[in-house]
Each structure stands twice: as C-alpha cells, then as structure tokens.
Amino acid sequence: MMKKIKLMLVVILMLFIFTDVNACLVGDLKEKNMRLIPIGKNSLLNGSSIQMFDLFSPSCGLECYMNILNKKNLRFTKQGSLFYITVNGGVTLQLLSISNNAMTGRVICQSKNNSKYIQLPGYIKLNKPSTDFQSEDNGSISRTMMFKNFNKNDYLNLIHQIQKQAKTSDLNSSFSYFELRDGSEVNLVFDMRKSIDHLVIVYIKKSTSHA
C-alpha cells in the first residue's frame, strides 16, 4: 500500500512540474488511430480542474508521433517518461510503454469543470500543502497532499489527534493508516527515523454520488 501511494505521488509531482495545460490531444495533436479513455472525474491539481485519460496508440510509437509533430512544427520536450507538447499552454503525456509501432500512456490537461476539494476533518489542522491532487473513481474520492519539510513532533501530534477519532488504525515507522468512524480513510507517509521529512496525506471518502 505504501509503495503504491509513493508511486502515485511521484507521478503526480512529475505531472505538476511539467503541466500548464489548456488543450488535450485534439486536432493537430492527435494521430488518427490514437484512443483516449477518460479516467477519474472531479479531478483537481493544486486548485485547477484537470482531465486525465489513458492513451492507446496502436499503430504509431513515440518516434512516429514525434515525426508527426515535427512536420506540423509543433514543439515538444521529453524528460524520462514524461513527454510535454508546448502548444496552447501544453499537454503532458506520461509514457507507460513504447515500441517501434505503438505506445501507451496517460494524458493530463485542463478541464472546464468547477470541481471542489473534499475537506479534511476539522481536527486535522495543517498549512497549505505544496502539492494537492484529487480525483474521483470507483465510488470514492481520493485527495493526496504533500507537505514539505514536516517536523517529526508535529507528525506525532497529528497521529495522536487522528487516532482519537479513528475506528481502527495501523501504525509503523514510515506509514500510518486510519479508518475513521464515518468510513473514510486517512493514510500518512512519513519516515519517523528523520526529524524532518516530507509528509504525504491521502484522504479517501465515499463519493456523494454513490452514498
């Protein structure tokens, strides 16, 4: 569970660093056989509503796609598994698999929806996070926040406050899980071997549309 949350956070942070988006893969940006499948809904990244898609390109790999963009004089950059197209504010692709003739990935772009964050329980008192991501899927809403340079004593106090309100909990030196009385969940990632570390909070609650 902890590895999955950390991987999710890395992807979110990478997308945040490279994403300032106003358009998806439409028009000149879309190869004719590409398919985009929406994933999640009511998604937010640092206060901005976004859309996310699974990308399937069965007959055009990355080299093929870059050649198409080059012919249309569209600018792009690649760093690691991220491919950023600098058009109309930009589109970010997280590349998952690449072959000579195909590729898969995820696409993130801006949404016109006016989504709102789910609010943490009132007894969880924290400053504004450095990264704040939310998405709804499979009947639940998940909000992931990162707080840089968090103090260990503040973390221990946070655990104490949540545990008083929790139905069940599971704690270790780097990860804490709480099931709250209303059925929502709080996951904390923090390395208690350090006096200062980044804190990740994942708050999950049932979607109101599935209540």
C-alpha atoms as a PDB file:
ATOM      1  CA  MET A   1       0.000   0.000   0.000  1.00  0.00           C
ATOM      2  CA  MET A   2       2.766   2.425   0.956  1.00  0.00           C
ATOM      3  CA  LYS A   3       4.734   1.715  -2.237  1.00  0.00           C
ATOM      4  CA  LYS A   4       1.587   2.278  -4.309  1.00  0.00           C
ATOM      5  CA  ILE A   5       0.922   5.645  -2.622  1.00  0.00           C
ATOM      6  CA  LYS A   6       4.529   6.769  -3.034  1.00  0.00           C
ATOM      7  CA  LEU A   7       4.492   5.810  -6.734  1.00  0.00           C
ATOM      8  CA  MET A   8       1.221   7.690  -7.222  1.00  0.00           C
ATOM      9  CA  LEU A   9       2.721  10.748  -5.540  1.00  0.00           C
ATOM     10  CA  VAL A  10       5.820  10.662  -7.754  1.00  0.00           C
ATOM     11  CA  VAL A  11       3.644  10.583 -10.879  1.00  0.00           C
ATOM     12  CA  ILE A  12       1.503  13.469  -9.574  1.00  0.00           C
ATOM     13  CA  LEU A  13       4.573  15.554  -8.745  1.00  0.00           C
ATOM     14  CA  MET A  14       6.123  14.897 -12.155  1.00  0.00           C
ATOM     15  CA  LEU A  15       2.911  15.871 -13.910  1.00  0.00           C
ATOM     16  CA  PHE A  16       2.653  19.019 -11.797  1.00  0.00           C
ATOM     17  CA  ILE A  17       6.193  20.111 -12.612  1.00  0.00           C
ATOM     18  CA  PHE A  18       5.657  19.831 -16.350  1.00  0.00           C
ATOM     19  CA  THR A  19       1.979  20.672 -16.733  1.00  0.00           C
ATOM     20  CA  ASP A  20       0.447  24.047 -17.531  1.00  0.00           C
ATOM     21  CA  VAL A  21      -2.282  22.895 -19.842  1.00  0.00           C
ATOM     22  CA  ASN A  22      -5.128  24.298 -21.891  1.00  0.00           C
ATOM     23  CA  ALA A  23      -5.699  21.620 -24.527  1.00  0.00           C
ATOM     24  CA  CYS A  24      -5.897  17.835 -24.915  1.00  0.00           C
ATOM     25  CA  LEU A  25      -4.806  15.674 -27.822  1.00  0.00           C
ATOM     26  CA  VAL A  26      -7.181  17.122 -30.392  1.00  0.00           C
ATOM     27  CA  GLY A  27      -6.777  18.478 -33.902  1.00  0.00           C
ATOM     28  CA  ASP A  28      -3.134  18.576 -34.974  1.00  0.00           C
ATOM     29  CA  LEU A  29      -2.052  16.931 -31.709  1.00  0.00           C
ATOM     30  CA  LYS A  30      -3.887  13.650 -32.315  1.00  0.00           C
ATOM     31  CA  GLU A  31      -2.602  10.851 -34.525  1.00  0.00           C
ATOM     32  CA  LYS A  32      -5.589   9.351 -36.361  1.00  0.00           C
ATOM     33  CA  ASN A  33      -5.566   5.977 -34.585  1.00  0.00           C
ATOM     34  CA  MET A  34      -4.962   7.275 -31.068  1.00  0.00           C
ATOM     35  CA  ARG A  35      -7.634   6.492 -28.481  1.00  0.00           C
ATOM     36  CA  LEU A  36      -8.211   8.457 -25.280  1.00  0.00           C
ATOM     37  CA  ILE A  37     -10.224   6.871 -22.462  1.00  0.00           C
ATOM     38  CA  PRO A  38     -11.218   9.174 -19.562  1.00  0.00           C
ATOM     39  CA  ILE A  39     -10.023   8.110 -16.109  1.00  0.00           C
ATOM     40  CA  GLY A  40     -11.333   9.595 -12.895  1.00  0.00           C
ATOM     41  CA  LYS A  41     -13.582  12.618 -12.586  1.00  0.00           C
ATOM     42  CA  ASN A  42     -13.848  15.781 -10.484  1.00  0.00           C
ATOM     43  CA  SER A  43     -10.053  15.905 -10.614  1.00  0.00           C
ATOM     44  CA  LEU A  44      -8.042  18.814  -9.230  1.00  0.00           C
ATOM     45  CA  LEU A  45      -4.334  19.587  -9.236  1.00  0.00           C
ATOM     46  CA  ASN A  46      -3.220  22.458  -6.996  1.00  0.00           C
ATOM     47  CA  GLY A  47      -6.629  24.096  -7.262  1.00  0.00           C
ATOM     48  CA  SER A  48      -7.053  23.735 -11.027  1.00  0.00           C
ATOM     49  CA  SER A  49      -9.598  21.334 -12.516  1.00  0.00           C
ATOM     50  CA  ILE A  50      -7.975  18.804 -14.825  1.00  0.00           C
ATOM     51  CA  GLN A  51      -8.884  15.895 -17.079  1.00  0.00           C
ATOM     52  CA  MET A  52      -6.948  12.626 -17.253  1.00  0.00           C
ATOM     53  CA  PHE A  53      -7.007   9.988 -19.965  1.00  0.00           C
ATOM     54  CA  ASP A  54      -5.480   6.609 -20.714  1.00  0.00           C
ATOM     55  CA  LEU A  55      -3.781   6.849 -24.111  1.00  0.00           C
ATOM     56  CA  PHE A  56      -3.579   3.964 -26.594  1.00  0.00           C
ATOM     57  CA  SER A  57      -1.683   4.452 -29.834  1.00  0.00           C
ATOM     58  CA  PRO A  58      -1.726   1.035 -31.597  1.00  0.00           C
ATOM     59  CA  SER A  59      -0.041   1.991 -34.855  1.00  0.00           C
ATOM     60  CA  CYS A  60       2.268   4.910 -34.015  1.00  0.00           C
ATOM     61  CA  GLY A  61       5.078   4.771 -31.440  1.00  0.00           C
ATOM     62  CA  LEU A  62       6.926   7.709 -29.926  1.00  0.00           C
ATOM     63  CA  GLU A  63       9.341   8.203 -32.841  1.00  0.00           C
ATOM     64  CA  CYS A  64       6.397   8.125 -35.240  1.00  0.00           C
ATOM     65  CA  TYR A  65       4.483  10.628 -33.105  1.00  0.00           C
ATOM     66  CA  MET A  66       7.463  12.981 -32.797  1.00  0.00           C
ATOM     67  CA  ASN A  67       7.848  12.927 -36.599  1.00  0.00           C
ATOM     68  CA  ILE A  68       4.182  13.926 -36.955  1.00  0.00           C
ATOM     69  CA  LEU A  69       4.630  16.827 -34.528  1.00  0.00           C
ATOM     70  CA  ASN A  70       7.860  17.914 -36.251  1.00  0.00           C
ATOM     71  CA  LYS A  71       6.145  18.029 -39.652  1.00  0.00           C
ATOM     72  CA  LYS A  72       3.492  20.304 -38.136  1.00  0.00           C
ATOM     73  CA  ASN A  73       6.187  22.486 -36.494  1.00  0.00           C
ATOM     74  CA  LEU A  74       4.822  21.701 -33.024  1.00  0.00           C
ATOM     75  CA  ARG A  75       7.337  21.991 -30.185  1.00  0.00           C
ATOM     76  CA  PHE A  76       7.832  19.264 -27.603  1.00  0.00           C
ATOM     77  CA  THR A  77      10.287  18.074 -24.956  1.00  0.00           C
ATOM     78  CA  LYS A  78      10.936  14.718 -23.284  1.00  0.00           C
ATOM     79  CA  GLN A  79      12.379  14.022 -19.868  1.00  0.00           C
ATOM     80  CA  GLY A  80      12.374  10.447 -18.640  1.00  0.00           C
ATOM     81  CA  SER A  81       8.895   9.019 -19.040  1.00  0.00           C
ATOM     82  CA  LEU A  82       7.278  12.448 -19.489  1.00  0.00           C
ATOM     83  CA  PHE A  83       6.549  13.927 -22.904  1.00  0.00           C
ATOM     84  CA  TYR A  84       5.479  17.568 -22.947  1.00  0.00           C
ATOM     85  CA  ILE A  85       3.936  19.259 -26.007  1.00  0.00           C
ATOM     86  CA  THR A  86       4.337  23.022 -25.917  1.00  0.00           C
ATOM     87  CA  VAL A  87       1.134  24.044 -27.693  1.00  0.00           C
ATOM     88  CA  ASN A  88      -1.779  26.158 -26.396  1.00  0.00           C
ATOM     89  CA  GLY A  89      -0.354  26.017 -22.901  1.00  0.00           C
ATOM     90  CA  GLY A  90       0.833  22.427 -23.253  1.00  0.00           C
ATOM     91  CA  VAL A  91      -0.180  18.789 -22.883  1.00  0.00           C
ATOM     92  CA  THR A  92       1.677  16.268 -20.722  1.00  0.00           C
ATOM     93  CA  LEU A  93       1.936  12.551 -21.543  1.00  0.00           C
ATOM     94  CA  GLN A  94       3.208  10.062 -19.000  1.00  0.00           C
ATOM     95  CA  LEU A  95       4.600   7.285 -21.191  1.00  0.00           C
ATOM     96  CA  LEU A  96       3.900   3.783 -19.839  1.00  0.00           C
ATOM     97  CA  SER A  97       5.083   1.562 -22.706  1.00  0.00           C
ATOM     98  CA  ILE A  98       6.798   2.256 -26.014  1.00  0.00           C
ATOM     99  CA  SER A  99       7.602   0.069 -29.006  1.00  0.00           C
ATOM    100  CA  ASN A 100       8.542   0.850 -32.602  1.00  0.00           C
ATOM    101  CA  ASN A 101       4.919   0.847 -33.710  1.00  0.00           C
ATOM    102  CA  ALA A 102       2.843   1.533 -30.606  1.00  0.00           C
ATOM    103  CA  MET A 103       2.737   3.261 -27.240  1.00  0.00           C
ATOM    104  CA  THR A 104       0.516   3.642 -24.201  1.00  0.00           C
ATOM    105  CA  GLY A 105       0.408   6.349 -21.586  1.00  0.00           C
ATOM    106  CA  ARG A 106      -1.648   8.826 -19.616  1.00  0.00           C
ATOM    107  CA  VAL A 107      -2.601  12.332 -20.652  1.00  0.00           C
ATOM    108  CA  ILE A 108      -3.367  15.269 -18.376  1.00  0.00           C
ATOM    109  CA  CYS A 109      -4.969  18.515 -19.497  1.00  0.00           C
ATOM    110  CA  GLN A 110      -7.080  21.334 -18.167  1.00  0.00           C
ATOM    111  CA  SER A 111     -10.806  20.901 -17.550  1.00  0.00           C
ATOM    112  CA  LYS A 112     -13.592  23.468 -17.708  1.00  0.00           C
ATOM    113  CA  ASN A 113     -15.332  21.815 -14.753  1.00  0.00           C
ATOM    114  CA  ASN A 114     -15.547  23.674 -11.469  1.00  0.00           C
ATOM    115  CA  SER A 115     -14.570  20.859  -9.122  1.00  0.00           C
ATOM    116  CA  LYS A 116     -14.086  21.352  -5.379  1.00  0.00           C
ATOM    117  CA  TYR A 117     -11.832  19.652  -2.868  1.00  0.00           C
ATOM    118  CA  ILE A 118     -13.197  17.346  -0.220  1.00  0.00           C
ATOM    119  CA  GLN A 119     -12.379  18.832   3.167  1.00  0.00           C
ATOM    120  CA  LEU A 120     -10.283  17.083   5.774  1.00  0.00           C
ATOM    121  CA  PRO A 121     -11.906  16.519   9.181  1.00  0.00           C
ATOM    122  CA  GLY A 122     -11.787  19.678  11.276  1.00  0.00           C
ATOM    123  CA  TYR A 123      -9.401  18.211  13.854  1.00  0.00           C
ATOM    124  CA  ILE A 124      -6.686  17.802  11.186  1.00  0.00           C
ATOM    125  CA  LYS A 125      -5.043  21.227  11.276  1.00  0.00           C
ATOM    126  CA  LEU A 126      -2.432  21.789   8.572  1.00  0.00           C
ATOM    127  CA  ASN A 127      -1.000  24.589   6.492  1.00  0.00           C
ATOM    128  CA  LYS A 128      -1.447  24.772   2.733  1.00  0.00           C
ATOM    129  CA  PRO A 129       0.183  21.764   1.013  1.00  0.00           C
ATOM    130  CA  SER A 130       2.901  22.189  -1.598  1.00  0.00           C
ATOM    131  CA  THR A 131       1.104  19.701  -3.847  1.00  0.00           C
ATOM    132  CA  ASP A 132      -2.621  18.905  -3.729  1.00  0.00           C
ATOM    133  CA  PHE A 133      -4.241  16.349  -6.033  1.00  0.00           C
ATOM    134  CA  GLN A 134      -7.770  14.947  -6.013  1.00  0.00           C
ATOM    135  CA  SER A 135      -9.695  12.533  -8.207  1.00  0.00           C
ATOM    136  CA  GLU A 136     -12.919  10.524  -8.010  1.00  0.00           C
ATOM    137  CA  ASP A 137     -13.091   6.938  -9.210  1.00  0.00           C
ATOM    138  CA  ASN A 138     -14.865   3.670  -8.345  1.00  0.00           C
ATOM    139  CA  GLY A 139     -17.277   5.321  -5.942  1.00  0.00           C
ATOM    140  CA  SER A 140     -14.717   7.142  -3.815  1.00  0.00           C
ATOM    141  CA  ILE A 141     -12.849  10.457  -3.824  1.00  0.00           C
ATOM    142  CA  SER A 142      -9.142  10.480  -3.013  1.00  0.00           C
ATOM    143  CA  ARG A 143      -7.219  13.623  -2.086  1.00  0.00           C
ATOM    144  CA  THR A 144      -3.412  13.405  -1.911  1.00  0.00           C
ATOM    145  CA  MET A 145      -1.422  16.215  -0.304  1.00  0.00           C
ATOM    146  CA  MET A 146       2.290  16.683   0.241  1.00  0.00           C
ATOM    147  CA  PHE A 147       3.782  18.929   2.905  1.00  0.00           C
ATOM    148  CA  LYS A 148       7.480  19.646   2.535  1.00  0.00           C
ATOM    149  CA  ASN A 149       9.892  19.635   5.486  1.00  0.00           C
ATOM    150  CA  PHE A 150       7.379  18.452   8.062  1.00  0.00           C
ATOM    151  CA  ASN A 151       8.517  18.218  11.684  1.00  0.00           C
ATOM    152  CA  LYS A 152       8.505  14.821  13.422  1.00  0.00           C
ATOM    153  CA  ASN A 153       6.931  16.200  16.611  1.00  0.00           C
ATOM    154  CA  ASP A 154       4.126  17.759  14.566  1.00  0.00           C
ATOM    155  CA  TYR A 155       3.663  14.400  12.849  1.00  0.00           C
ATOM    156  CA  LEU A 156       3.372  12.583  16.177  1.00  0.00           C
ATOM    157  CA  ASN A 157       0.808  15.146  17.350  1.00  0.00           C
ATOM    158  CA  LEU A 158      -1.128  14.658  14.098  1.00  0.00           C
ATOM    159  CA  ILE A 159      -1.173  10.887  14.620  1.00  0.00           C
ATOM    160  CA  HIS A 160      -2.432  11.400  18.182  1.00  0.00           C
ATOM    161  CA  GLN A 161      -5.297  13.665  17.041  1.00  0.00           C
ATOM    162  CA  ILE A 162      -6.418  11.304  14.273  1.00  0.00           C
ATOM    163  CA  GLN A 163      -6.122   8.180  16.415  1.00  0.00           C
ATOM    164  CA  LYS A 164      -8.541   9.641  18.955  1.00  0.00           C
ATOM    165  CA  GLN A 165     -11.176   9.834  16.199  1.00  0.00           C
ATOM    166  CA  ALA A 166     -10.316   6.581  14.414  1.00  0.00           C
ATOM    167  CA  LYS A 167     -12.282   3.349  14.390  1.00  0.00           C
ATOM    168  CA  THR A 168      -9.168   1.295  13.579  1.00  0.00           C
ATOM    169  CA  SER A 169      -5.516   2.115  12.901  1.00  0.00           C
ATOM    170  CA  ASP A 170      -2.274   0.515  11.740  1.00  0.00           C
ATOM    171  CA  LEU A 171       0.982   2.340  12.525  1.00  0.00           C
ATOM    172  CA  ASN A 172       4.644   1.747  11.772  1.00  0.00           C
ATOM    173  CA  SER A 173       7.826   3.821  11.438  1.00  0.00           C
ATOM    174  CA  SER A 174       7.060   5.081   7.930  1.00  0.00           C
ATOM    175  CA  PHE A 175       3.337   4.655   7.313  1.00  0.00           C
ATOM    176  CA  SER A 176       0.105   5.175   9.275  1.00  0.00           C
ATOM    177  CA  TYR A 177      -3.391   4.067   8.314  1.00  0.00           C
ATOM    178  CA  PHE A 178      -6.650   5.123   9.989  1.00  0.00           C
ATOM    179  CA  GLU A 179     -10.255   4.135   9.316  1.00  0.00           C
ATOM    180  CA  LEU A 180     -12.477   6.899  10.666  1.00  0.00           C
ATOM    181  CA  ARG A 181     -15.887   6.398  12.235  1.00  0.00           C
ATOM    182  CA  ASP A 182     -17.667   7.737   9.143  1.00  0.00           C
ATOM    183  CA  GLY A 183     -15.990   5.102   6.944  1.00  0.00           C
ATOM    184  CA  SER A 184     -13.443   7.451   5.392  1.00  0.00           C
ATOM    185  CA  GLU A 185      -9.722   6.652   5.490  1.00  0.00           C
ATOM    186  CA  VAL A 186      -6.545   8.610   6.234  1.00  0.00           C
ATOM    187  CA  ASN A 187      -3.125   7.357   5.109  1.00  0.00           C
ATOM    188  CA  LEU A 188       0.072   9.111   6.238  1.00  0.00           C
ATOM    189  CA  VAL A 189       3.548   8.595   4.795  1.00  0.00           C
ATOM    190  CA  PHE A 190       6.418   9.941   6.919  1.00  0.00           C
ATOM    191  CA  ASP A 191       9.808   8.495   7.865  1.00  0.00           C
ATOM    192  CA  MET A 192       9.966   8.745  11.658  1.00  0.00           C
ATOM    193  CA  ARG A 193      13.677   7.949  11.609  1.00  0.00           C
ATOM    194  CA  LYS A 194      14.132  11.552  10.489  1.00  0.00           C
ATOM    195  CA  SER A 195      13.416  14.701  12.487  1.00  0.00           C
ATOM    196  CA  ILE A 196      12.294  16.478   9.290  1.00  0.00           C
ATOM    197  CA  ASP A 197      10.758  14.776   6.255  1.00  0.00           C
ATOM    198  CA  HIS A 198       8.096  15.306   3.604  1.00  0.00           C
ATOM    199  CA  LEU A 199       4.637  14.295   4.792  1.00  0.00           C
ATOM    200  CA  VAL A 200       2.135  12.739   2.398  1.00  0.00           C
ATOM    201  CA  ILE A 201      -1.536  12.523   3.357  1.00  0.00           C
ATOM    202  CA  VAL A 202      -4.058  10.502   1.354  1.00  0.00           C
ATOM    203  CA  TYR A 203      -7.649  11.131   2.460  1.00  0.00           C
ATOM    204  CA  ILE A 204     -10.290   8.841   0.937  1.00  0.00           C
ATOM    205  CA  LYS A 205     -14.025   9.119   1.378  1.00  0.00           C
ATOM    206  CA  LYS A 206     -17.086   7.707  -0.314  1.00  0.00           C
ATOM    207  CA  SER A 207     -18.376   9.749  -3.241  1.00  0.00           C
ATOM    208  CA  THR A 208     -21.668  11.534  -2.512  1.00  0.00           C
ATOM    209  CA  SER A 209     -22.962  10.281  -5.858  1.00  0.00           C
ATOM    210  CA  HIS A 210     -22.577   6.737  -4.534  1.00  0.00           C
ATOM    211  CA  ALA A 211     -23.729   7.368  -0.986  1.00  0.00           C
END
